Amino acid sequence: NIYMLPDNPKYQRVREHREAGTAIQNGFMSIRISGQLAVVKCRPGYASGLASDIDNAKIPEIIGTIAGDDTIFLALEEGFNKESLEANLRTIVPVYPGTHI
């Protein structure tokens, strides 16, 4: 068996990063940073899409992401600046009531 997505734009992976204001749509809930790792919590099913948005934003403090169903691990650059990281992440996941960075 071969499985393929339909030839329809709504099923194709988005390559450009989304603008601020899509946090509700991308499921972001919170982030916790410890050392050079961060854990992003999302609504179930949203981690992969949000990780793609983070990767496509090319945030200099983030060297990679690993996404599950509702959790993303971020590998952070050694000696990163937390304030700069938070400011860059806010371009993707602005703070909404009930969320925190």
PDB file of N, CA and C in Angstrom:
ATOM      1  N   ASN A   1       0.824  -1.182   0.000  1.00  0.00           N
ATOM      2  CA  ASN A   1       0.000   0.000   0.000  1.00  0.00           C
ATOM      3  C   ASN A   1       0.865   1.242   0.000  1.00  0.00           C
ATOM      4  N   ILE A   2       0.421   2.234  -0.743  1.00  0.00           N
ATOM      5  CA  ILE A   2       1.102   3.524  -0.776  1.00  0.00           C
ATOM      6  C   ILE A   2       0.116   4.585  -0.320  1.00  0.00           C
ATOM      7  N   TYR A   3       0.543   5.411   0.632  1.00  0.00           N
ATOM      8  CA  TYR A   3      -0.302   6.481   1.141  1.00  0.00           C
ATOM      9  C   TYR A   3       0.247   7.819   0.670  1.00  0.00           C
ATOM     10  N   MET A   4      -0.628   8.630   0.119  1.00  0.00           N
ATOM     11  CA  MET A   4      -0.217   9.938  -0.387  1.00  0.00           C
ATOM     12  C   MET A   4      -1.245  10.978   0.036  1.00  0.00           C
ATOM     13  N   LEU A   5      -0.764  12.195   0.282  1.00  0.00           N
ATOM     14  CA  LEU A   5      -1.689  13.292   0.551  1.00  0.00           C
ATOM     15  C   LEU A   5      -2.344  13.723  -0.757  1.00  0.00           C
ATOM     16  N   PRO A   6      -3.591  14.149  -0.697  1.00  0.00           N
ATOM     17  CA  PRO A   6      -4.243  14.636  -1.914  1.00  0.00           C
ATOM     18  C   PRO A   6      -3.492  15.827  -2.490  1.00  0.00           C
ATOM     19  N   ASP A   7      -3.611  16.014  -3.793  1.00  0.00           N
ATOM     20  CA  ASP A   7      -2.970  17.158  -4.445  1.00  0.00           C
ATOM     21  C   ASP A   7      -3.841  18.390  -4.211  1.00  0.00           C
ATOM     22  N   ASN A   8      -3.788  18.859  -2.970  1.00  0.00           N
ATOM     23  CA  ASN A   8      -4.619  19.981  -2.548  1.00  0.00           C
ATOM     24  C   ASN A   8      -3.781  20.851  -1.623  1.00  0.00           C
ATOM     25  N   PRO A   9      -3.742  22.171  -1.843  1.00  0.00           N
ATOM     26  CA  PRO A   9      -2.879  23.046  -1.024  1.00  0.00           C
ATOM     27  C   PRO A   9      -3.139  22.972   0.476  1.00  0.00           C
ATOM     28  N   LYS A  10      -4.354  22.676   0.906  1.00  0.00           N
ATOM     29  CA  LYS A  10      -4.608  22.648   2.354  1.00  0.00           C
ATOM     30  C   LYS A  10      -3.935  21.466   3.045  1.00  0.00           C
ATOM     31  N   TYR A  11      -3.462  20.474   2.288  1.00  0.00           N
ATOM     32  CA  TYR A  11      -2.780  19.329   2.874  1.00  0.00           C
ATOM     33  C   TYR A  11      -1.265  19.419   2.771  1.00  0.00           C
ATOM     34  N   GLN A  12      -0.752  20.480   2.173  1.00  0.00           N
ATOM     35  CA  GLN A  12       0.686  20.612   2.001  1.00  0.00           C
ATOM     36  C   GLN A  12       1.297  21.325   3.193  1.00  0.00           C
ATOM     37  N   ARG A  13       2.511  20.938   3.531  1.00  0.00           N
ATOM     38  CA  ARG A  13       3.211  21.526   4.669  1.00  0.00           C
ATOM     39  C   ARG A  13       3.545  22.987   4.385  1.00  0.00           C
ATOM     40  N   VAL A  14       3.296  23.836   5.359  1.00  0.00           N
ATOM     41  CA  VAL A  14       3.588  25.258   5.224  1.00  0.00           C
ATOM     42  C   VAL A  14       5.079  25.470   5.450  1.00  0.00           C
ATOM     43  N   ARG A  15       5.744  26.166   4.546  1.00  0.00           N
ATOM     44  CA  ARG A  15       7.180  26.388   4.658  1.00  0.00           C
ATOM     45  C   ARG A  15       7.525  27.745   5.253  1.00  0.00           C
ATOM     46  N   GLU A  16       6.654  28.733   5.143  1.00  0.00           N
ATOM     47  CA  GLU A  16       6.949  30.046   5.707  1.00  0.00           C
ATOM     48  C   GLU A  16       6.391  30.136   7.116  1.00  0.00           C
ATOM     49  N   HIS A  17       7.057  30.912   7.979  1.00  0.00           N
ATOM     50  CA  HIS A  17       6.584  30.981   9.362  1.00  0.00           C
ATOM     51  C   HIS A  17       5.375  31.900   9.444  1.00  0.00           C
ATOM     52  N   ARG A  18       4.476  31.558  10.340  1.00  0.00           N
ATOM     53  CA  ARG A  18       3.246  32.313  10.506  1.00  0.00           C
ATOM     54  C   ARG A  18       3.489  33.554  11.333  1.00  0.00           C
ATOM     55  N   GLU A  19       2.643  34.530  11.152  1.00  0.00           N
ATOM     56  CA  GLU A  19       2.766  35.786  11.881  1.00  0.00           C
ATOM     57  C   GLU A  19       2.249  35.632  13.311  1.00  0.00           C
ATOM     58  N   ALA A  20       2.660  36.562  14.162  1.00  0.00           N
ATOM     59  CA  ALA A  20       2.124  36.625  15.516  1.00  0.00           C
ATOM     60  C   ALA A  20       0.612  36.720  15.411  1.00  0.00           C
ATOM     61  N   GLY A  21      -0.088  36.268  16.372  1.00  0.00           N
ATOM     62  CA  GLY A  21      -1.544  36.281  16.293  1.00  0.00           C
ATOM     63  C   GLY A  21      -2.089  34.914  15.951  1.00  0.00           C
ATOM     64  N   THR A  22      -1.194  33.960  15.657  1.00  0.00           N
ATOM     65  CA  THR A  22      -1.666  32.623  15.353  1.00  0.00           C
ATOM     66  C   THR A  22      -1.460  31.683  16.542  1.00  0.00           C
ATOM     67  N   ALA A  23      -1.097  32.212  17.696  1.00  0.00           N
ATOM     68  CA  ALA A  23      -0.820  31.348  18.851  1.00  0.00           C
ATOM     69  C   ALA A  23      -2.022  30.495  19.217  1.00  0.00           C
ATOM     70  N   ILE A  24      -3.216  31.048  19.140  1.00  0.00           N
ATOM     71  CA  ILE A  24      -4.397  30.258  19.458  1.00  0.00           C
ATOM     72  C   ILE A  24      -4.498  29.106  18.466  1.00  0.00           C
ATOM     73  N   GLN A  25      -4.247  29.373  17.178  1.00  0.00           N
ATOM     74  CA  GLN A  25      -4.330  28.325  16.167  1.00  0.00           C
ATOM     75  C   GLN A  25      -3.193  27.322  16.284  1.00  0.00           C
ATOM     76  N   ASN A  26      -2.002  27.755  16.756  1.00  0.00           N
ATOM     77  CA  ASN A  26      -0.898  26.802  16.808  1.00  0.00           C
ATOM     78  C   ASN A  26      -0.814  26.068  18.146  1.00  0.00           C
ATOM     79  N   GLY A  27      -1.730  26.318  19.072  1.00  0.00           N
ATOM     80  CA  GLY A  27      -1.875  25.515  20.273  1.00  0.00           C
ATOM     81  C   GLY A  27      -0.899  25.771  21.405  1.00  0.00           C
ATOM     82  N   PHE A  28      -0.046  26.787  21.306  1.00  0.00           N
ATOM     83  CA  PHE A  28       0.946  27.067  22.356  1.00  0.00           C
ATOM     84  C   PHE A  28       0.270  27.275  23.707  1.00  0.00           C
ATOM     85  N   MET A  29       0.868  26.659  24.755  1.00  0.00           N
ATOM     86  CA  MET A  29       0.373  26.848  26.111  1.00  0.00           C
ATOM     87  C   MET A  29       1.443  27.435  27.022  1.00  0.00           C
ATOM     88  N   SER A  30       2.664  26.871  27.015  1.00  0.00           N
ATOM     89  CA  SER A  30       3.698  27.364  27.924  1.00  0.00           C
ATOM     90  C   SER A  30       5.070  26.892  27.476  1.00  0.00           C
ATOM     91  N   ILE A  31       6.089  27.507  28.083  1.00  0.00           N
ATOM     92  CA  ILE A  31       7.465  27.074  27.859  1.00  0.00           C
ATOM     93  C   ILE A  31       8.216  27.151  29.189  1.00  0.00           C
ATOM     94  N   ARG A  32       9.074  26.154  29.427  1.00  0.00           N
ATOM     95  CA  ARG A  32       9.962  26.158  30.595  1.00  0.00           C
ATOM     96  C   ARG A  32      11.370  25.902  30.100  1.00  0.00           C
ATOM     97  N   ILE A  33      12.298  26.692  30.611  1.00  0.00           N
ATOM     98  CA  ILE A  33      13.691  26.611  30.180  1.00  0.00           C
ATOM     99  C   ILE A  33      14.545  26.114  31.342  1.00  0.00           C
ATOM    100  N   SER A  34      15.422  25.130  31.047  1.00  0.00           N
ATOM    101  CA  SER A  34      16.351  24.618  32.035  1.00  0.00           C
ATOM    102  C   SER A  34      17.673  24.350  31.332  1.00  0.00           C
ATOM    103  N   GLY A  35      18.687  25.125  31.686  1.00  0.00           N
ATOM    104  CA  GLY A  35      19.980  24.951  31.023  1.00  0.00           C
ATOM    105  C   GLY A  35      19.870  25.258  29.546  1.00  0.00           C
ATOM    106  N   GLN A  36      20.317  24.316  28.720  1.00  0.00           N
ATOM    107  CA  GLN A  36      20.276  24.499  27.273  1.00  0.00           C
ATOM    108  C   GLN A  36      19.111  23.764  26.628  1.00  0.00           C
ATOM    109  N   LEU A  37      18.116  23.411  27.432  1.00  0.00           N
ATOM    110  CA  LEU A  37      16.911  22.770  26.913  1.00  0.00           C
ATOM    111  C   LEU A  37      15.692  23.577  27.317  1.00  0.00           C
ATOM    112  N   ALA A  38      14.675  23.521  26.485  1.00  0.00           N
ATOM    113  CA  ALA A  38      13.394  24.130  26.822  1.00  0.00           C
ATOM    114  C   ALA A  38      12.309  23.138  26.448  1.00  0.00           C
ATOM    115  N   VAL A  39      11.225  23.154  27.206  1.00  0.00           N
ATOM    116  CA  VAL A  39      10.075  22.300  26.939  1.00  0.00           C
ATOM    117  C   VAL A  39       8.883  23.206  26.666  1.00  0.00           C
ATOM    118  N   VAL A  40       8.316  23.058  25.489  1.00  0.00           N
ATOM    119  CA  VAL A  40       7.130  23.811  25.092  1.00  0.00           C
ATOM    120  C   VAL A  40       5.938  22.869  25.202  1.00  0.00           C
ATOM    121  N   LYS A  41       4.910  23.299  25.908  1.00  0.00           N
ATOM    122  CA  LYS A  41       3.671  22.523  26.022  1.00  0.00           C
ATOM    123  C   LYS A  41       2.632  23.137  25.091  1.00  0.00           C
ATOM    124  N   CYS A  42       1.908  22.272  24.393  1.00  0.00           N
ATOM    125  CA  CYS A  42       0.889  22.682  23.430  1.00  0.00           C
ATOM    126  C   CYS A  42      -0.396  21.904  23.691  1.00  0.00           C
ATOM    127  N   ARG A  43      -1.435  22.310  23.018  1.00  0.00           N
ATOM    128  CA  ARG A  43      -2.642  21.494  23.031  1.00  0.00           C
ATOM    129  C   ARG A  43      -2.356  20.209  22.255  1.00  0.00           C
ATOM    130  N   PRO A  44      -3.029  19.101  22.585  1.00  0.00           N
ATOM    131  CA  PRO A  44      -2.773  17.834  21.882  1.00  0.00           C
ATOM    132  C   PRO A  44      -2.898  17.989  20.363  1.00  0.00           C
ATOM    133  N   GLY A  45      -1.906  17.444  19.652  1.00  0.00           N
ATOM    134  CA  GLY A  45      -1.909  17.457  18.204  1.00  0.00           C
ATOM    135  C   GLY A  45      -1.260  18.669  17.561  1.00  0.00           C
ATOM    136  N   TYR A  46      -0.826  19.653  18.352  1.00  0.00           N
ATOM    137  CA  TYR A  46      -0.316  20.902  17.806  1.00  0.00           C
ATOM    138  C   TYR A  46       1.211  21.006  17.793  1.00  0.00           C
ATOM    139  N   ALA A  47       1.914  20.103  18.439  1.00  0.00           N
ATOM    140  CA  ALA A  47       3.362  20.261  18.588  1.00  0.00           C
ATOM    141  C   ALA A  47       4.106  20.267  17.259  1.00  0.00           C
ATOM    142  N   SER A  48       3.757  19.396  16.360  1.00  0.00           N
ATOM    143  CA  SER A  48       4.473  19.309  15.088  1.00  0.00           C
ATOM    144  C   SER A  48       4.358  20.596  14.283  1.00  0.00           C
ATOM    145  N   GLY A  49       3.175  21.152  14.204  1.00  0.00           N
ATOM    146  CA  GLY A  49       2.979  22.396  13.462  1.00  0.00           C
ATOM    147  C   GLY A  49       3.708  23.565  14.094  1.00  0.00           C
ATOM    148  N   LEU A  50       3.647  23.640  15.422  1.00  0.00           N
ATOM    149  CA  LEU A  50       4.341  24.729  16.115  1.00  0.00           C
ATOM    150  C   LEU A  50       5.848  24.580  15.991  1.00  0.00           C
ATOM    151  N   ALA A  51       6.356  23.344  16.079  1.00  0.00           N
ATOM    152  CA  ALA A  51       7.797  23.111  15.904  1.00  0.00           C
ATOM    153  C   ALA A  51       8.237  23.551  14.508  1.00  0.00           C
ATOM    154  N   SER A  52       7.412  23.281  13.519  1.00  0.00           N
ATOM    155  CA  SER A  52       7.713  23.722  12.157  1.00  0.00           C
ATOM    156  C   SER A  52       7.771  25.246  12.082  1.00  0.00           C
ATOM    157  N   ASP A  53       6.826  25.929  12.743  1.00  0.00           N
ATOM    158  CA  ASP A  53       6.848  27.396  12.785  1.00  0.00           C
ATOM    159  C   ASP A  53       8.128  27.900  13.439  1.00  0.00           C
ATOM    160  N   ILE A  54       8.532  27.265  14.542  1.00  0.00           N
ATOM    161  CA  ILE A  54       9.747  27.668  15.256  1.00  0.00           C
ATOM    162  C   ILE A  54      10.972  27.439  14.369  1.00  0.00           C
ATOM    163  N   ASP A  55      11.053  26.271  13.721  1.00  0.00           N
ATOM    164  CA  ASP A  55      12.183  25.990  12.827  1.00  0.00           C
ATOM    165  C   ASP A  55      12.253  27.002  11.687  1.00  0.00           C
ATOM    166  N   ASN A  56      11.115  27.291  11.077  1.00  0.00           N
ATOM    167  CA  ASN A  56      11.083  28.200   9.929  1.00  0.00           C
ATOM    168  C   ASN A  56      11.391  29.648  10.317  1.00  0.00           C
ATOM    169  N   ALA A  57      11.211  29.999  11.591  1.00  0.00           N
ATOM    170  CA  ALA A  57      11.516  31.357  12.054  1.00  0.00           C
ATOM    171  C   ALA A  57      13.017  31.588  12.170  1.00  0.00           C
ATOM    172  N   LYS A  58      13.797  30.509  12.181  1.00  0.00           N
ATOM    173  CA  LYS A  58      15.265  30.601  12.258  1.00  0.00           C
ATOM    174  C   LYS A  58      15.728  31.482  13.423  1.00  0.00           C
ATOM    175  N   ILE A  59      15.219  31.187  14.607  1.00  0.00           N
ATOM    176  CA  ILE A  59      15.587  31.905  15.823  1.00  0.00           C
ATOM    177  C   ILE A  59      17.020  31.506  16.191  1.00  0.00           C
ATOM    178  N   PRO A  60      17.936  32.464  16.279  1.00  0.00           N
ATOM    179  CA  PRO A  60      19.347  32.123  16.474  1.00  0.00           C
ATOM    180  C   PRO A  60      19.643  31.370  17.766  1.00  0.00           C
ATOM    181  N   GLU A  61      18.844  31.548  18.791  1.00  0.00           N
ATOM    182  CA  GLU A  61      19.086  30.872  20.068  1.00  0.00           C
ATOM    183  C   GLU A  61      18.676  29.398  20.043  1.00  0.00           C
ATOM    184  N   ILE A  62      17.919  28.978  19.035  1.00  0.00           N
ATOM    185  CA  ILE A  62      17.410  27.600  18.950  1.00  0.00           C
ATOM    186  C   ILE A  62      18.165  26.857  17.861  1.00  0.00           C
ATOM    187  N   ILE A  63      18.846  25.760  18.251  1.00  0.00           N
ATOM    188  CA  ILE A  63      19.597  24.995  17.255  1.00  0.00           C
ATOM    189  C   ILE A  63      18.819  23.789  16.738  1.00  0.00           C
ATOM    190  N   GLY A  64      17.696  23.449  17.367  1.00  0.00           N
ATOM    191  CA  GLY A  64      16.882  22.351  16.868  1.00  0.00           C
ATOM    192  C   GLY A  64      15.656  22.111  17.715  1.00  0.00           C
ATOM    193  N   THR A  65      14.688  21.396  17.131  1.00  0.00           N
ATOM    194  CA  THR A  65      13.461  21.051  17.831  1.00  0.00           C
ATOM    195  C   THR A  65      13.155  19.569  17.636  1.00  0.00           C
ATOM    196  N   ILE A  66      12.478  18.989  18.614  1.00  0.00           N
ATOM    197  CA  ILE A  66      11.928  17.639  18.504  1.00  0.00           C
ATOM    198  C   ILE A  66      10.492  17.733  18.995  1.00  0.00           C
ATOM    199  N   ALA A  67       9.547  17.314  18.154  1.00  0.00           N
ATOM    200  CA  ALA A  67       8.137  17.453  18.501  1.00  0.00           C
ATOM    201  C   ALA A  67       7.474  16.100  18.694  1.00  0.00           C
ATOM    202  N   GLY A  68       6.629  16.040  19.715  1.00  0.00           N
ATOM    203  CA  GLY A  68       5.749  14.903  19.920  1.00  0.00           C
ATOM    204  C   GLY A  68       4.339  15.326  19.571  1.00  0.00           C
ATOM    205  N   ASP A  69       3.374  14.896  20.366  1.00  0.00           N
ATOM    206  CA  ASP A  69       1.972  15.239  20.141  1.00  0.00           C
ATOM    207  C   ASP A  69       1.614  16.577  20.773  1.00  0.00           C
ATOM    208  N   ASP A  70       2.032  16.758  22.044  1.00  0.00           N
ATOM    209  CA  ASP A  70       1.692  17.990  22.755  1.00  0.00           C
ATOM    210  C   ASP A  70       2.895  18.624  23.445  1.00  0.00           C
ATOM    211  N   THR A  71       4.106  18.178  23.076  1.00  0.00           N
ATOM    212  CA  THR A  71       5.327  18.674  23.704  1.00  0.00           C
ATOM    213  C   THR A  71       6.409  18.846  22.649  1.00  0.00           C
ATOM    214  N   ILE A  72       7.175  19.923  22.786  1.00  0.00           N
ATOM    215  CA  ILE A  72       8.327  20.165  21.914  1.00  0.00           C
ATOM    216  C   ILE A  72       9.546  20.369  22.797  1.00  0.00           C
ATOM    217  N   PHE A  73      10.641  19.685  22.479  1.00  0.00           N
ATOM    218  CA  PHE A  73      11.924  19.948  23.116  1.00  0.00           C
ATOM    219  C   PHE A  73      12.700  20.885  22.210  1.00  0.00           C
ATOM    220  N   LEU A  74      13.252  21.940  22.794  1.00  0.00           N
ATOM    221  CA  LEU A  74      14.106  22.872  22.065  1.00  0.00           C
ATOM    222  C   LEU A  74      15.532  22.696  22.558  1.00  0.00           C
ATOM    223  N   ALA A  75      16.470  22.509  21.645  1.00  0.00           N
ATOM    224  CA  ALA A  75      17.889  22.521  21.980  1.00  0.00           C
ATOM    225  C   ALA A  75      18.354  23.958  21.783  1.00  0.00           C
ATOM    226  N   LEU A  76      18.921  24.541  22.836  1.00  0.00           N
ATOM    227  CA  LEU A  76      19.293  25.956  22.811  1.00  0.00           C
ATOM    228  C   LEU A  76      20.792  26.132  22.650  1.00  0.00           C
ATOM    229  N   GLU A  77      21.166  27.182  21.950  1.00  0.00           N
ATOM    230  CA  GLU A  77      22.572  27.519  21.719  1.00  0.00           C
ATOM    231  C   GLU A  77      23.274  27.744  23.056  1.00  0.00           C
ATOM    232  N   GLU A  78      24.502  27.275  23.172  1.00  0.00           N
ATOM    233  CA  GLU A  78      25.274  27.487  24.396  1.00  0.00           C
ATOM    234  C   GLU A  78      25.450  28.983  24.636  1.00  0.00           C
ATOM    235  N   GLY A  79      25.199  29.431  25.868  1.00  0.00           N
ATOM    236  CA  GLY A  79      25.359  30.829  26.221  1.00  0.00           C
ATOM    237  C   GLY A  79      24.275  31.741  25.657  1.00  0.00           C
ATOM    238  N   PHE A  80      23.114  31.163  25.312  1.00  0.00           N
ATOM    239  CA  PHE A  80      22.034  31.969  24.735  1.00  0.00           C
ATOM    240  C   PHE A  80      21.546  33.030  25.721  1.00  0.00           C
ATOM    241  N   ASN A  81      20.951  34.087  25.169  1.00  0.00           N
ATOM    242  CA  ASN A  81      20.388  35.162  25.968  1.00  0.00           C
ATOM    243  C   ASN A  81      18.888  34.905  26.121  1.00  0.00           C
ATOM    244  N   LYS A  82      18.432  34.678  27.368  1.00  0.00           N
ATOM    245  CA  LYS A  82      17.038  34.317  27.620  1.00  0.00           C
ATOM    246  C   LYS A  82      16.070  35.404  27.148  1.00  0.00           C
ATOM    247  N   GLU A  83      16.403  36.664  27.375  1.00  0.00           N
ATOM    248  CA  GLU A  83      15.507  37.756  26.965  1.00  0.00           C
ATOM    249  C   GLU A  83      15.356  37.792  25.446  1.00  0.00           C
ATOM    250  N   SER A  84      16.455  37.582  24.729  1.00  0.00           N
ATOM    251  CA  SER A  84      16.408  37.557  23.270  1.00  0.00           C
ATOM    252  C   SER A  84      15.587  36.370  22.777  1.00  0.00           C
ATOM    253  N   LEU A  85      15.784  35.206  23.406  1.00  0.00           N
ATOM    254  CA  LEU A  85      14.997  34.022  23.053  1.00  0.00           C
ATOM    255  C   LEU A  85      13.515  34.298  23.241  1.00  0.00           C
ATOM    256  N   GLU A  86      13.143  34.840  24.394  1.00  0.00           N
ATOM    257  CA  GLU A  86      11.733  35.112  24.668  1.00  0.00           C
ATOM    258  C   GLU A  86      11.157  36.124  23.680  1.00  0.00           C
ATOM    259  N   ALA A  87      11.922  37.161  23.352  1.00  0.00           N
ATOM    260  CA  ALA A  87      11.446  38.162  22.386  1.00  0.00           C
ATOM    261  C   ALA A  87      11.244  37.532  21.012  1.00  0.00           C
ATOM    262  N   ASN A  88      12.172  36.684  20.597  1.00  0.00           N
ATOM    263  CA  ASN A  88      12.038  36.017  19.301  1.00  0.00           C
ATOM    264  C   ASN A  88      10.871  35.039  19.286  1.00  0.00           C
ATOM    265  N   LEU A  89      10.669  34.306  20.374  1.00  0.00           N
ATOM    266  CA  LEU A  89       9.535  33.373  20.431  1.00  0.00           C
ATOM    267  C   LEU A  89       8.197  34.108  20.410  1.00  0.00           C
ATOM    268  N   ARG A  90       8.158  35.308  20.974  1.00  0.00           N
ATOM    269  CA  ARG A  90       6.903  36.071  20.991  1.00  0.00           C
ATOM    270  C   ARG A  90       6.448  36.465  19.586  1.00  0.00           C
ATOM    271  N   THR A  91       7.349  36.454  18.608  1.00  0.00           N
ATOM    272  CA  THR A  91       6.923  36.729  17.232  1.00  0.00           C
ATOM    273  C   THR A  91       6.089  35.580  16.686  1.00  0.00           C
ATOM    274  N   ILE A  92       6.222  34.401  17.299  1.00  0.00           N
ATOM    275  CA  ILE A  92       5.465  33.229  16.869  1.00  0.00           C
ATOM    276  C   ILE A  92       4.321  32.936  17.831  1.00  0.00           C
ATOM    277  N   VAL A  93       4.587  33.043  19.123  1.00  0.00           N
ATOM    278  CA  VAL A  93       3.603  32.707  20.158  1.00  0.00           C
ATOM    279  C   VAL A  93       3.436  33.862  21.136  1.00  0.00           C
ATOM    280  N   PRO A  94       2.767  34.938  20.721  1.00  0.00           N
ATOM    281  CA  PRO A  94       2.577  36.060  21.648  1.00  0.00           C
ATOM    282  C   PRO A  94       1.800  35.615  22.869  1.00  0.00           C
ATOM    283  N   VAL A  95       1.993  36.336  23.952  1.00  0.00           N
ATOM    284  CA  VAL A  95       1.345  35.970  25.204  1.00  0.00           C
ATOM    285  C   VAL A  95      -0.146  36.258  25.131  1.00  0.00           C
ATOM    286  N   TYR A  96      -0.929  35.269  25.425  1.00  0.00           N
ATOM    287  CA  TYR A  96      -2.375  35.383  25.512  1.00  0.00           C
ATOM    288  C   TYR A  96      -2.772  34.987  26.921  1.00  0.00           C
ATOM    289  N   PRO A  97      -3.942  35.397  27.395  1.00  0.00           N
ATOM    290  CA  PRO A  97      -4.388  34.963  28.716  1.00  0.00           C
ATOM    291  C   PRO A  97      -4.340  33.443  28.808  1.00  0.00           C
ATOM    292  N   GLY A  98      -3.770  32.941  29.870  1.00  0.00           N
ATOM    293  CA  GLY A  98      -3.668  31.495  30.065  1.00  0.00           C
ATOM    294  C   GLY A  98      -2.398  30.894  29.507  1.00  0.00           C
ATOM    295  N   THR A  99      -1.566  31.675  28.829  1.00  0.00           N
ATOM    296  CA  THR A  99      -0.286  31.177  28.326  1.00  0.00           C
ATOM    297  C   THR A  99       0.833  31.967  28.990  1.00  0.00           C
ATOM    298  N   HIS A 100       2.013  31.396  28.998  1.00  0.00           N
ATOM    299  CA  HIS A 100       3.158  32.143  29.522  1.00  0.00           C
ATOM    300  C   HIS A 100       4.438  31.687  28.862  1.00  0.00           C
ATOM    301  N   ILE A 101       5.342  32.616  28.735  1.00  0.00           N
ATOM    302  CA  ILE A 101       6.695  32.315  28.246  1.00  0.00           C
ATOM    303  C   ILE A 101       7.642  32.578  29.405  1.00  0.00           C
TER     304      ILE A 101
END
